[in-house]
C-alpha atoms as a PDB file:
ATOM      1  CA  MET A   1     -42.611 162.277 208.534  1.00  0.00           C
ATOM      2  CA  LYS A   2     -39.636 160.137 208.490  1.00  0.00           C
ATOM      3  CA  LYS A   3     -37.124 162.668 207.848  1.00  0.00           C
ATOM      4  CA  ILE A   4     -37.951 164.253 211.396  1.00  0.00           C
ATOM      5  CA  THR A   5     -38.424 161.242 213.415  1.00  0.00           C
ATOM      6  CA  ILE A   6     -34.620 160.189 212.209  1.00  0.00           C
ATOM      7  CA  ILE A   7     -33.496 163.788 213.043  1.00  0.00           C
ATOM      8  CA  LEU A   8     -34.887 163.980 216.272  1.00  0.00           C
ATOM      9  CA  ILE A   9     -33.846 160.261 217.136  1.00  0.00           C
ATOM     10  CA  GLY A  10     -30.020 161.094 216.068  1.00  0.00           C
ATOM     11  CA  ILE A  11     -30.223 164.521 218.058  1.00  0.00           C
ATOM     12  CA  ILE A  12     -31.094 162.308 221.069  1.00  0.00           C
ATOM     13  CA  LEU A  13     -28.073 159.932 220.263  1.00  0.00           C
ATOM     14  CA  GLY A  14     -25.851 163.002 220.265  1.00  0.00           C
ATOM     15  CA  PHE A  15     -27.228 164.252 223.498  1.00  0.00           C
ATOM     16  CA  SER A  16     -26.159 160.991 225.237  1.00  0.00           C
ATOM     17  CA  VAL A  17     -22.965 160.938 224.129  1.00  0.00           C
ATOM     18  CA  PHE A  18     -22.404 164.165 226.154  1.00  0.00           C
ATOM     19  CA  ALA A  19     -23.583 162.954 229.404  1.00  0.00           C
ATOM     20  CA  ALA A  20     -21.841 163.034 232.242  1.00  0.00           C
ATOM     21  CA  GLU A  21     -22.208 160.377 235.440  1.00  0.00           C
ATOM     22  CA  ILE A  22     -24.079 162.022 238.467  1.00  0.00           C
ATOM     23  CA  GLU A  23     -25.530 160.048 241.492  1.00  0.00           C
ATOM     24  CA  LYS A  24     -29.341 160.414 240.878  1.00  0.00           C
ATOM     25  CA  GLU A  25     -32.560 159.031 243.288  1.00  0.00           C
ATOM     26  CA  GLU A  26     -33.660 155.847 243.057  1.00  0.00           C
ATOM     27  CA  SER A  27     -37.193 156.724 242.973  1.00  0.00           C
ATOM     28  CA  TYR A  28     -39.736 159.746 242.763  1.00  0.00           C
ATOM     29  CA  GLY A  29     -42.750 161.224 241.456  1.00  0.00           C
ATOM     30  CA  TYR A  30     -43.183 164.061 238.979  1.00  0.00           C
ATOM     31  CA  PHE A  31     -45.669 166.095 236.985  1.00  0.00           C
ATOM     32  CA  GLY A  32     -45.133 167.860 234.095  1.00  0.00           C
ATOM     33  CA  VAL A  33     -46.665 169.969 231.110  1.00  0.00           C
ATOM     34  CA  ARG A  34     -45.230 169.546 227.330  1.00  0.00           C
ATOM     35  CA  LEU A  35     -46.358 171.391 223.585  1.00  0.00           C
ATOM     36  CA  GLY A  36     -46.074 169.202 220.654  1.00  0.00           C
ATOM     37  CA  TYR A  37     -46.663 168.335 216.909  1.00  0.00           C
ATOM     38  CA  MET A  38     -49.359 165.884 215.996  1.00  0.00           C
ATOM     39  CA  GLU A  39     -49.439 164.280 212.457  1.00  0.00           C
ATOM     40  CA  ILE A  40     -52.165 162.073 211.926  1.00  0.00           C
ATOM     41  CA  ASP A  41     -51.212 159.746 208.533  1.00  0.00           C
ATOM     42  CA  GLY A  42     -53.794 159.602 205.878  1.00  0.00           C
ATOM     43  CA  ILE A  43     -56.178 162.314 207.064  1.00  0.00           C
ATOM     44  CA  GLU A  44     -54.468 165.355 208.259  1.00  0.00           C
ATOM     45  CA  ASP A  45     -52.965 167.756 205.285  1.00  0.00           C
ATOM     46  CA  GLU A  46     -50.606 168.899 207.832  1.00  0.00           C
ATOM     47  CA  GLY A  47     -49.971 168.208 211.499  1.00  0.00           C
ATOM     48  CA  SER A  48     -51.245 170.593 213.819  1.00  0.00           C
ATOM     49  CA  ALA A  49     -50.264 171.679 218.159  1.00  0.00           C
ATOM     50  CA  ASN A  50     -50.736 169.533 220.432  1.00  0.00           C
ATOM     51  CA  LEU A  51     -51.101 170.274 224.601  1.00  0.00           C
ATOM     52  CA  GLY A  52     -50.238 168.220 227.092  1.00  0.00           C
ATOM     53  CA  PHE A  53     -49.993 166.782 230.701  1.00  0.00           C
ATOM     54  CA  THR A  54     -47.757 163.830 232.715  1.00  0.00           C
ATOM     55  CA  LEU A  55     -48.032 162.758 235.842  1.00  0.00           C
ATOM     56  CA  GLY A  56     -45.125 159.942 236.462  1.00  0.00           C
ATOM     57  CA  PHE A  57     -43.218 157.977 239.031  1.00  0.00           C
ATOM     58  CA  ARG A  58     -39.682 156.849 238.526  1.00  0.00           C
ATOM     59  CA  VAL A  59     -39.606 153.436 240.252  1.00  0.00           C
ATOM     60  CA  SER A  60     -36.191 153.243 239.805  1.00  0.00           C
ATOM     61  CA  ASN A  61     -33.298 154.320 238.193  1.00  0.00           C
ATOM     62  CA  PRO A  62     -34.347 152.444 234.533  1.00  0.00           C
ATOM     63  CA  VAL A  63     -37.672 152.430 235.044  1.00  0.00           C
ATOM     64  CA  ALA A  64     -40.974 154.925 234.888  1.00  0.00           C
ATOM     65  CA  VAL A  65     -44.025 155.002 234.869  1.00  0.00           C
ATOM     66  CA  GLU A  66     -46.248 157.411 233.260  1.00  0.00           C
ATOM     67  CA  PHE A  67     -49.693 158.669 232.915  1.00  0.00           C
ATOM     68  CA  SER A  68     -50.359 161.779 230.715  1.00  0.00           C
ATOM     69  CA  VAL A  69     -53.555 163.049 228.735  1.00  0.00           C
ATOM     70  CA  ASP A  70     -53.171 165.602 225.124  1.00  0.00           C
ATOM     71  CA  TYR A  71     -55.525 168.052 223.552  1.00  0.00           C
ATOM     72  CA  HIS A  72     -55.045 168.186 220.052  1.00  0.00           C
ATOM     73  CA  SER A  73     -57.134 170.150 217.250  1.00  0.00           C
ATOM     74  CA  ALA A  74     -56.682 169.812 213.735  1.00  0.00           C
ATOM     75  CA  ASP A  75     -58.670 171.423 210.632  1.00  0.00           C
ATOM     76  CA  PHE A  76     -58.103 169.165 207.057  1.00  0.00           C
ATOM     77  CA  SER A  77     -60.234 169.246 204.403  1.00  0.00           C
ATOM     78  CA  ALA A  78     -63.270 171.128 205.714  1.00  0.00           C
ATOM     79  CA  VAL A  79     -63.260 168.662 208.829  1.00  0.00           C
ATOM     80  CA  ASP A  80     -62.557 169.815 212.478  1.00  0.00           C
ATOM     81  CA  ARG A  81     -61.007 167.352 214.466  1.00  0.00           C
ATOM     82  CA  THR A  82     -60.802 167.162 218.312  1.00  0.00           C
ATOM     83  CA  THR A  83     -58.529 164.630 220.078  1.00  0.00           C
ATOM     84  CA  PHE A  84     -57.834 164.004 223.665  1.00  0.00           C
ATOM     85  CA  ALA A  85     -55.374 161.259 224.182  1.00  0.00           C
ATOM     86  CA  PHE A  86     -55.383 159.412 227.794  1.00  0.00           C
ATOM     87  CA  GLN A  87     -52.000 157.476 227.811  1.00  0.00           C
ATOM     88  CA  ALA A  88     -50.473 155.165 230.077  1.00  0.00           C
ATOM     89  CA  SER A  89     -46.784 154.868 229.210  1.00  0.00           C
ATOM     90  CA  LEU A  90     -43.649 152.679 230.494  1.00  0.00           C
ATOM     91  CA  LEU A  91     -40.106 154.240 230.023  1.00  0.00           C
ATOM     92  CA  LEU A  92     -36.977 152.466 230.281  1.00  0.00           C
ATOM     93  CA  TYR A  93     -34.083 154.558 230.698  1.00  0.00           C
ATOM     94  CA  LEU A  94     -31.055 153.679 228.651  1.00  0.00           C
ATOM     95  CA  ALA A  95     -28.037 155.759 230.975  1.00  0.00           C
ATOM     96  CA  SER A  96     -30.234 156.491 234.171  1.00  0.00           C
ATOM     97  CA  ASN A  97     -27.197 158.205 236.121  1.00  0.00           C
ATOM     98  CA  THR A  98     -25.846 160.723 233.939  1.00  0.00           C
ATOM     99  CA  ASN A  99     -27.421 164.253 233.418  1.00  0.00           C
ATOM    100  CA  VAL A 100     -28.811 163.359 230.104  1.00  0.00           C
ATOM    101  CA  GLN A 101     -30.658 160.963 229.784  1.00  0.00           C
ATOM    102  CA  PRO A 102     -32.000 158.732 226.359  1.00  0.00           C
ATOM    103  CA  TYR A 103     -35.247 156.652 226.938  1.00  0.00           C
ATOM    104  CA  LEU A 104     -37.452 154.278 225.451  1.00  0.00           C
ATOM    105  CA  VAL A 105     -41.356 154.512 225.607  1.00  0.00           C
ATOM    106  CA  GLY A 106     -43.971 152.091 224.811  1.00  0.00           C
ATOM    107  CA  GLY A 107     -47.482 151.839 226.094  1.00  0.00           C
ATOM    108  CA  GLY A 108     -51.331 151.964 225.103  1.00  0.00           C
ATOM    109  CA  GLY A 109     -53.790 154.624 225.298  1.00  0.00           C
ATOM    110  CA  TYR A 110     -57.587 155.877 225.140  1.00  0.00           C
ATOM    111  CA  TYR A 111     -58.620 158.406 222.522  1.00  0.00           C
ATOM    112  CA  ILE A 112     -61.589 160.180 222.544  1.00  0.00           C
ATOM    113  CA  SER A 113     -62.364 162.084 218.916  1.00  0.00           C
ATOM    114  CA  GLY A 114     -64.850 164.482 217.869  1.00  0.00           C
ATOM    115  CA  TYR A 115     -65.641 165.355 214.491  1.00  0.00           C
ATOM    116  CA  ASP A 116     -67.582 168.847 213.230  1.00  0.00           C
ATOM    117  CA  TYR A 117     -68.151 168.227 209.475  1.00  0.00           C
ATOM    118  CA  TRP A 118     -70.576 169.869 206.577  1.00  0.00           C
ATOM    119  CA  VAL A 119     -72.407 167.651 204.218  1.00  0.00           C
ATOM    120  CA  ASN A 120     -74.634 169.206 201.447  1.00  0.00           C
ATOM    121  CA  GLY A 121     -74.980 172.581 203.326  1.00  0.00           C
ATOM    122  CA  TYR A 122     -75.124 171.116 207.206  1.00  0.00           C
ATOM    123  CA  LYS A 123     -72.868 171.478 209.859  1.00  0.00           C
ATOM    124  CA  TYR A 124     -72.707 167.758 211.651  1.00  0.00           C
ATOM    125  CA  THR A 125     -70.825 167.872 215.333  1.00  0.00           C
ATOM    126  CA  ASP A 126     -72.977 164.795 216.535  1.00  0.00           C
ATOM    127  CA  PHE A 127     -70.031 161.924 215.465  1.00  0.00           C
ATOM    128  CA  THR A 128     -67.290 160.740 218.431  1.00  0.00           C
ATOM    129  CA  SER A 129     -65.221 158.039 218.492  1.00  0.00           C
ATOM    130  CA  HIS A 130     -63.647 156.020 221.357  1.00  0.00           C
ATOM    131  CA  LYS A 131     -60.751 153.951 220.831  1.00  0.00           C
ATOM    132  CA  PHE A 132     -57.703 152.196 222.287  1.00  0.00           C
ATOM    133  CA  GLY A 133     -54.747 152.511 220.491  1.00  0.00           C
ATOM    134  CA  ALA A 134     -51.203 151.999 221.393  1.00  0.00           C
ATOM    135  CA  HIS A 135     -47.630 153.936 220.914  1.00  0.00           C
ATOM    136  CA  ILE A 136     -43.828 153.411 221.310  1.00  0.00           C
ATOM    137  CA  GLY A 137     -41.412 156.092 220.914  1.00  0.00           C
ATOM    138  CA  ALA A 138     -38.205 157.467 222.341  1.00  0.00           C
ATOM    139  CA  GLY A 139     -37.463 160.594 223.980  1.00  0.00           C
ATOM    140  CA  ILE A 140     -34.598 162.280 226.011  1.00  0.00           C
ATOM    141  CA  ASP A 141     -34.517 163.769 229.813  1.00  0.00           C
ATOM    142  CA  ILE A 142     -32.221 166.762 230.497  1.00  0.00           C
ATOM    143  CA  MET A 143     -31.528 166.937 234.254  1.00  0.00           C
ATOM    144  CA  MET A 144     -31.911 170.835 234.956  1.00  0.00           C
ATOM    145  CA  GLY A 145     -30.742 170.723 238.531  1.00  0.00           C
ATOM    146  CA  ASP A 146     -32.360 169.074 241.529  1.00  0.00           C
ATOM    147  CA  TYR A 147     -35.993 169.400 241.033  1.00  0.00           C
ATOM    148  CA  SER A 148     -36.779 170.039 236.878  1.00  0.00           C
ATOM    149  CA  VAL A 149     -36.371 168.058 234.108  1.00  0.00           C
ATOM    150  CA  ILE A 150     -36.148 169.156 230.146  1.00  0.00           C
ATOM    151  CA  THR A 151     -37.705 166.743 228.244  1.00  0.00           C
ATOM    152  CA  PHE A 152     -38.320 166.151 224.253  1.00  0.00           C
ATOM    153  CA  ASP A 153     -40.732 162.950 223.438  1.00  0.00           C
ATOM    154  CA  VAL A 154     -41.811 161.101 219.767  1.00  0.00           C
ATOM    155  CA  ARG A 155     -43.998 158.622 219.811  1.00  0.00           C
ATOM    156  CA  TYR A 156     -45.604 156.423 216.894  1.00  0.00           C
ATOM    157  CA  LEU A 157     -49.241 156.374 217.554  1.00  0.00           C
ATOM    158  CA  ALA A 158     -51.290 153.387 216.218  1.00  0.00           C
ATOM    159  CA  VAL A 159     -55.460 153.682 216.375  1.00  0.00           C
ATOM    160  CA  ASP A 160     -58.140 152.143 215.068  1.00  0.00           C
ATOM    161  CA  GLU A 161     -61.018 155.047 215.291  1.00  0.00           C
ATOM    162  CA  ASP A 162     -64.266 155.482 213.746  1.00  0.00           C
ATOM    163  CA  VAL A 163     -64.296 158.170 211.151  1.00  0.00           C
ATOM    164  CA  PRO A 164     -67.967 159.003 209.156  1.00  0.00           C
ATOM    165  CA  GLU A 165     -67.317 158.291 206.027  1.00  0.00           C
ATOM    166  CA  GLU A 166     -69.334 161.469 204.675  1.00  0.00           C
ATOM    167  CA  ALA A 167     -66.320 164.101 206.427  1.00  0.00           C
ATOM    168  CA  LEU A 168     -63.541 162.405 204.487  1.00  0.00           C
ATOM    169  CA  GLY A 169     -65.247 161.118 201.388  1.00  0.00           C
ATOM    170  CA  TYR A 170     -63.988 157.942 201.992  1.00  0.00           C
ATOM    171  CA  ASP A 171     -63.771 155.119 204.542  1.00  0.00           C
ATOM    172  CA  ASN A 172     -60.357 154.704 206.360  1.00  0.00           C
ATOM    173  CA  LYS A 173     -60.064 153.862 210.348  1.00  0.00           C
ATOM    174  CA  THR A 174     -56.411 153.320 210.518  1.00  0.00           C
ATOM    175  CA  PHE A 175     -54.755 156.817 211.824  1.00  0.00           C
ATOM    176  CA  ASP A 176     -51.209 156.163 212.483  1.00  0.00           C
ATOM    177  CA  GLY A 177     -49.260 159.138 213.249  1.00  0.00           C
ATOM    178  CA  VAL A 178     -46.521 160.785 215.059  1.00  0.00           C
ATOM    179  CA  LEU A 179     -46.913 162.762 218.015  1.00  0.00           C
ATOM    180  CA  ALA A 180     -43.736 165.066 218.860  1.00  0.00           C
ATOM    181  CA  THR A 181     -43.528 166.841 222.086  1.00  0.00           C
ATOM    182  CA  VAL A 182     -40.787 169.172 224.229  1.00  0.00           C
ATOM    183  CA  GLY A 183     -41.419 169.782 227.371  1.00  0.00           C
ATOM    184  CA  ALA A 184     -40.981 170.106 231.304  1.00  0.00           C
ATOM    185  CA  LYS A 185     -40.861 167.782 234.222  1.00  0.00           C
ATOM    186  CA  PHE A 186     -41.136 168.798 237.553  1.00  0.00           C
ATOM    187  CA  LYS A 187     -39.902 166.140 240.973  1.00  0.00           C
ATOM    188  CA  PHE A 188     -41.942 165.929 244.168  1.00  0.00           C
END
């Protein structure tokens, strides 16, 4: 997981070297869709797919506020885990007047997770965790014209989640992980 993060940061920095100076609007709104890969340390055998939607407001050239919802489903160790992540993020653009705009992102989120698991031949499906958590990361926006943007984003997630001990076989409540996404934003 650390290798993926280092590679993505290298790509972000590489794109910023080739960025050309352009004039940008001071503020605008956008909505977007993103697909990604999420891996949670300590519980998942492998990462799995993620689908998300964003709504953001570029307050000024270097600052944006973004709200997102992501759906994540994973199967691991005979456990099915489904998570809805509602995040509020602040994006700080490092180069705001270029076609390629790297940014730092941070914020908080509300995570709703449900678990389906088997104990002694019986399936339990009634466990749900509601927790707050934080995220921090980096990304890059690539302007594709006046109204569309391709975006790459990597976020480190920190959540203390209540997990049924019977599902995992051990009591572990801290689930740090990585959410890596690629998506499109459309200005309005």
